[in-house]
Amino acid sequence: MKPDLKTVIQSLQTTIAFDSRDWSIDKRLAWIYGVLMGWDDEAGEPFTFEDRPKGLRDCPKEDYERMHEYRAIVRQYKQSAD
């Protein structure tokens, strides 16, 4: 049986969660992490542009906002697929 998109997303999230690297340092990795896992504070609120991770400090605000939009799409899809 072919996996569905929810399974693919869960597999990627599990891979990231158990990877020992620091996903916050590199711009591309930080962006991927932000889309799939979300950069949230301890209260579960997304980091603001001013509080963004080190790897995203050189990231234009438009790219950072797009990352949050993509994260919302991933989150919404996973919830609707349950």
C-alpha atoms as a PDB file:
ATOM      1  CA  MET A   1       0.000   0.000   0.000  1.00  0.00           C
ATOM      2  CA  LYS A   2       1.236   3.467  -0.905  1.00  0.00           C
ATOM      3  CA  PRO A   3       1.758   5.845   2.049  1.00  0.00           C
ATOM      4  CA  ASP A   4      -0.443   8.916   2.235  1.00  0.00           C
ATOM      5  CA  LEU A   5       0.751  12.476   2.816  1.00  0.00           C
ATOM      6  CA  LYS A   6       0.051  12.294   6.559  1.00  0.00           C
ATOM      7  CA  THR A   7       2.374   9.273   6.852  1.00  0.00           C
ATOM      8  CA  VAL A   8       5.065  11.075   4.882  1.00  0.00           C
ATOM      9  CA  ILE A   9       4.823  14.155   7.114  1.00  0.00           C
ATOM     10  CA  GLN A  10       4.934  12.026  10.272  1.00  0.00           C
ATOM     11  CA  SER A  11       7.984  10.173   8.980  1.00  0.00           C
ATOM     12  CA  LEU A  12       9.806  13.437   8.271  1.00  0.00           C
ATOM     13  CA  GLN A  13       8.870  14.830  11.686  1.00  0.00           C
ATOM     14  CA  THR A  14      10.089  11.689  13.440  1.00  0.00           C
ATOM     15  CA  THR A  15      13.357  11.803  11.516  1.00  0.00           C
ATOM     16  CA  ILE A  16      13.892  15.428  12.529  1.00  0.00           C
ATOM     17  CA  ALA A  17      12.884  14.843  16.161  1.00  0.00           C
ATOM     18  CA  PHE A  18      15.430  12.059  16.617  1.00  0.00           C
ATOM     19  CA  ASP A  19      18.260  13.714  14.678  1.00  0.00           C
ATOM     20  CA  SER A  20      21.068  14.956  16.912  1.00  0.00           C
ATOM     21  CA  ARG A  21      22.034  17.977  14.824  1.00  0.00           C
ATOM     22  CA  ASP A  22      21.221  21.530  15.828  1.00  0.00           C
ATOM     23  CA  TRP A  23      18.532  22.522  13.334  1.00  0.00           C
ATOM     24  CA  SER A  24      18.632  26.166  14.426  1.00  0.00           C
ATOM     25  CA  ILE A  25      22.069  27.053  13.027  1.00  0.00           C
ATOM     26  CA  ASP A  26      21.804  26.487   9.274  1.00  0.00           C
ATOM     27  CA  LYS A  27      19.367  28.668   7.298  1.00  0.00           C
ATOM     28  CA  ARG A  28      17.914  25.854   5.172  1.00  0.00           C
ATOM     29  CA  LEU A  29      17.682  23.350   8.016  1.00  0.00           C
ATOM     30  CA  ALA A  30      16.102  25.962  10.305  1.00  0.00           C
ATOM     31  CA  TRP A  31      13.511  26.738   7.636  1.00  0.00           C
ATOM     32  CA  ILE A  32      12.703  23.042   7.054  1.00  0.00           C
ATOM     33  CA  TYR A  33      12.407  22.508  10.809  1.00  0.00           C
ATOM     34  CA  GLY A  34      10.124  25.528  11.057  1.00  0.00           C
ATOM     35  CA  VAL A  35       7.774  24.161   8.398  1.00  0.00           C
ATOM     36  CA  LEU A  36       7.624  20.589   9.671  1.00  0.00           C
ATOM     37  CA  MET A  37       8.060  21.014  13.438  1.00  0.00           C
ATOM     38  CA  GLY A  38       7.455  24.695  14.150  1.00  0.00           C
ATOM     39  CA  TRP A  39       9.618  27.133  16.052  1.00  0.00           C
ATOM     40  CA  ASP A  40       7.488  27.667  19.143  1.00  0.00           C
ATOM     41  CA  ASP A  41       8.278  29.021  22.582  1.00  0.00           C
ATOM     42  CA  GLU A  42       7.583  27.122  25.797  1.00  0.00           C
ATOM     43  CA  ALA A  43       3.960  28.280  25.774  1.00  0.00           C
ATOM     44  CA  GLY A  44       3.457  26.917  22.265  1.00  0.00           C
ATOM     45  CA  GLU A  45       3.389  30.328  20.600  1.00  0.00           C
ATOM     46  CA  PRO A  46       5.390  30.728  17.373  1.00  0.00           C
ATOM     47  CA  PHE A  47       8.583  32.766  17.670  1.00  0.00           C
ATOM     48  CA  THR A  48       8.244  36.289  16.368  1.00  0.00           C
ATOM     49  CA  PHE A  49      10.450  37.547  13.556  1.00  0.00           C
ATOM     50  CA  GLU A  50      12.566  39.350  16.163  1.00  0.00           C
ATOM     51  CA  ASP A  51      13.034  36.141  18.220  1.00  0.00           C
ATOM     52  CA  ARG A  52      13.734  33.853  15.253  1.00  0.00           C
ATOM     53  CA  PRO A  53      16.397  31.118  15.541  1.00  0.00           C
ATOM     54  CA  LYS A  54      20.018  31.919  14.708  1.00  0.00           C
ATOM     55  CA  GLY A  55      19.901  30.199  11.316  1.00  0.00           C
ATOM     56  CA  LEU A  56      17.030  32.416  10.231  1.00  0.00           C
ATOM     57  CA  ARG A  57      18.527  35.746  11.336  1.00  0.00           C
ATOM     58  CA  ASP A  58      19.578  36.591   7.757  1.00  0.00           C
ATOM     59  CA  CYS A  59      16.251  35.400   6.420  1.00  0.00           C
ATOM     60  CA  PRO A  60      14.014  38.098   4.922  1.00  0.00           C
ATOM     61  CA  LYS A  61      10.803  38.693   6.852  1.00  0.00           C
ATOM     62  CA  GLU A  62       8.771  37.504   3.837  1.00  0.00           C
ATOM     63  CA  ASP A  63      10.532  34.107   3.904  1.00  0.00           C
ATOM     64  CA  TYR A  64       9.981  33.827   7.655  1.00  0.00           C
ATOM     65  CA  GLU A  65       6.285  34.605   7.243  1.00  0.00           C
ATOM     66  CA  ARG A  66       6.037  32.069   4.399  1.00  0.00           C
ATOM     67  CA  MET A  67       7.606  29.441   6.678  1.00  0.00           C
ATOM     68  CA  HIS A  68       4.834  30.111   9.226  1.00  0.00           C
ATOM     69  CA  GLU A  69       2.190  29.886   6.487  1.00  0.00           C
ATOM     70  CA  TYR A  70       3.571  26.526   5.351  1.00  0.00           C
ATOM     71  CA  ARG A  71       3.712  25.350   8.974  1.00  0.00           C
ATOM     72  CA  ALA A  72       0.032  26.235   9.389  1.00  0.00           C
ATOM     73  CA  ILE A  73      -0.803  24.216   6.258  1.00  0.00           C
ATOM     74  CA  VAL A  74       1.114  21.184   7.571  1.00  0.00           C
ATOM     75  CA  ARG A  75      -0.572  21.465  10.972  1.00  0.00           C
ATOM     76  CA  GLN A  76      -4.032  21.890   9.430  1.00  0.00           C
ATOM     77  CA  TYR A  77      -3.544  18.936   7.091  1.00  0.00           C
ATOM     78  CA  LYS A  78      -2.450  16.646   9.912  1.00  0.00           C
ATOM     79  CA  GLN A  79      -5.466  17.642  12.010  1.00  0.00           C
ATOM     80  CA  SER A  80      -7.901  17.129   9.150  1.00  0.00           C
ATOM     81  CA  ALA A  81      -6.367  13.748   8.266  1.00  0.00           C
ATOM     82  CA  ASP A  82      -7.080  12.378  11.779  1.00  0.00           C
END
